[in-house]
Amino acid sequence: MGRQAEHVYTDQSTIARFNGMVEHLQNGARVRLHLADGETCEGVVAARPTVQEFFDGDGNEGSNGVVHLEQLGTSEWRRYIWFDQIERIEHLDSDAQLRA
């Protein structure tokens, strides 16, 4: 993962939201992500993500993160979703849900 992101954030409320999401995106969790554009994406969290520092196209430094999803039974399908695109996390392996 490079150090570039389309969007970076410096406000504490957004960074706190991102950190809360990390707690719900544990390695191996089956999740359905509800995205800001109305799309959903379902998969298994391949590795627990972290909030990291990135630079946007204007050189501003701030926080964001990426979750790496895979599908069970295939190594061919992968998807990387930026934290700022996630509206809600739905756990498919439990009743827990998080509105991001």
Protein backbone atom coordinates (compact mmCIF):
# COMPACT_ATOMS: atom_id res chain seq x y z
CA MET A 1 0.00 0.00 0.00
CA GLY A 2 1.42 3.34 -1.03
CA ARG A 3 1.36 6.51 0.98
CA GLN A 4 -1.18 8.24 -1.30
CA ALA A 5 -4.92 8.46 -0.65
CA GLU A 6 -7.62 10.33 -2.48
CA HIS A 7 -8.95 11.67 0.83
CA VAL A 8 -7.17 12.19 4.17
CA TYR A 9 -8.65 13.36 7.46
CA THR A 10 -7.27 15.26 10.43
CA ASP A 11 -10.39 15.87 12.55
CA GLN A 12 -10.50 13.81 15.71
CA SER A 13 -14.10 12.64 15.28
CA THR A 14 -13.37 11.02 11.91
CA ILE A 15 -10.15 9.45 13.17
CA ALA A 16 -12.04 8.09 16.19
CA ARG A 17 -14.67 6.64 13.83
CA PHE A 18 -11.93 4.96 11.80
CA ASN A 19 -10.35 3.51 14.96
CA GLY A 20 -13.76 2.16 15.99
CA MET A 21 -14.11 0.46 12.63
CA VAL A 22 -10.79 -1.33 13.13
CA GLU A 23 -12.26 -3.05 16.19
CA HIS A 24 -15.04 -4.49 14.00
CA LEU A 25 -12.77 -5.57 11.15
CA GLN A 26 -10.89 -8.37 12.85
CA ASN A 27 -8.86 -10.83 10.79
CA GLY A 28 -11.14 -13.56 9.44
CA ALA A 29 -14.43 -11.76 10.13
CA ARG A 30 -17.17 -12.27 7.53
CA VAL A 31 -18.63 -8.86 6.79
CA ARG A 32 -20.90 -6.97 4.44
CA LEU A 33 -19.78 -3.37 4.00
CA HIS A 34 -22.42 -0.78 3.14
CA LEU A 35 -20.65 1.93 1.18
CA ALA A 36 -21.29 5.66 0.79
CA ASP A 37 -22.26 5.23 -2.87
CA GLY A 38 -25.04 2.75 -1.96
CA GLU A 39 -23.07 -0.32 -3.01
CA THR A 40 -22.45 -3.29 -0.72
CA CYS A 41 -19.40 -5.50 -0.65
CA GLU A 42 -19.24 -8.85 1.12
CA GLY A 43 -16.18 -10.87 2.06
CA VAL A 44 -13.75 -12.05 4.69
CA VAL A 45 -11.31 -9.61 6.27
CA ALA A 46 -7.93 -10.88 5.06
CA ALA A 47 -5.87 -8.93 7.61
CA ARG A 48 -6.88 -6.61 10.41
CA PRO A 49 -6.56 -3.07 9.02
CA THR A 50 -5.07 -0.08 10.80
CA VAL A 51 -5.55 3.64 10.64
CA GLN A 52 -2.51 5.04 8.84
CA GLU A 53 -1.08 8.34 7.69
CA PHE A 54 -1.34 9.18 3.99
CA PHE A 55 -0.86 12.18 1.71
CA ASP A 56 -3.55 13.42 -0.62
CA GLY A 57 -2.94 14.77 -4.14
CA ASP A 58 -2.24 18.25 -2.75
CA GLY A 59 0.42 16.98 -0.33
CA ASN A 60 -1.77 17.27 2.79
CA GLU A 61 -1.07 14.63 5.42
CA GLY A 62 -3.89 12.94 7.29
CA SER A 63 -5.45 9.64 8.30
CA ASN A 64 -7.38 6.97 6.44
CA GLY A 65 -7.20 3.20 6.17
CA VAL A 66 -7.96 0.29 3.89
CA VAL A 67 -9.66 -3.01 4.57
CA HIS A 68 -8.68 -5.97 2.38
CA LEU A 69 -11.54 -8.38 1.67
CA GLU A 70 -11.38 -11.81 0.07
CA GLN A 71 -14.06 -14.36 -0.70
CA LEU A 72 -14.11 -17.78 0.92
CA GLY A 73 -13.08 -20.57 -1.38
CA THR A 74 -11.25 -18.45 -3.94
CA SER A 75 -7.98 -16.61 -3.98
CA GLU A 76 -8.91 -14.89 -7.24
CA TRP A 77 -11.26 -12.26 -5.76
CA ARG A 78 -9.86 -9.38 -3.71
CA ARG A 79 -11.20 -5.96 -2.91
CA TYR A 80 -9.66 -3.03 -1.06
CA ILE A 81 -12.06 -0.52 0.51
CA TRP A 82 -11.01 2.84 1.96
CA PHE A 83 -12.39 3.54 5.45
CA ASP A 84 -13.97 6.82 4.37
CA GLN A 85 -16.16 4.92 1.89
CA ILE A 86 -17.69 2.67 4.59
CA GLU A 87 -21.06 3.77 6.00
CA ARG A 88 -21.91 0.60 7.94
CA ILE A 89 -20.32 -2.73 8.79
CA GLU A 90 -22.60 -5.75 9.01
CA HIS A 91 -21.15 -8.89 10.57
CA LEU A 92 -22.30 -12.05 8.81
CA ASP A 93 -20.77 -14.37 11.39
CA SER A 94 -22.59 -12.77 14.36
CA ASP A 95 -25.40 -10.37 15.20
CA ALA A 96 -23.04 -7.43 15.73
CA GLN A 97 -23.37 -4.44 13.43
CA LEU A 98 -21.65 -1.07 13.36
CA ARG A 99 -22.85 2.10 11.76
CA ALA A 100 -19.62 3.83 10.83
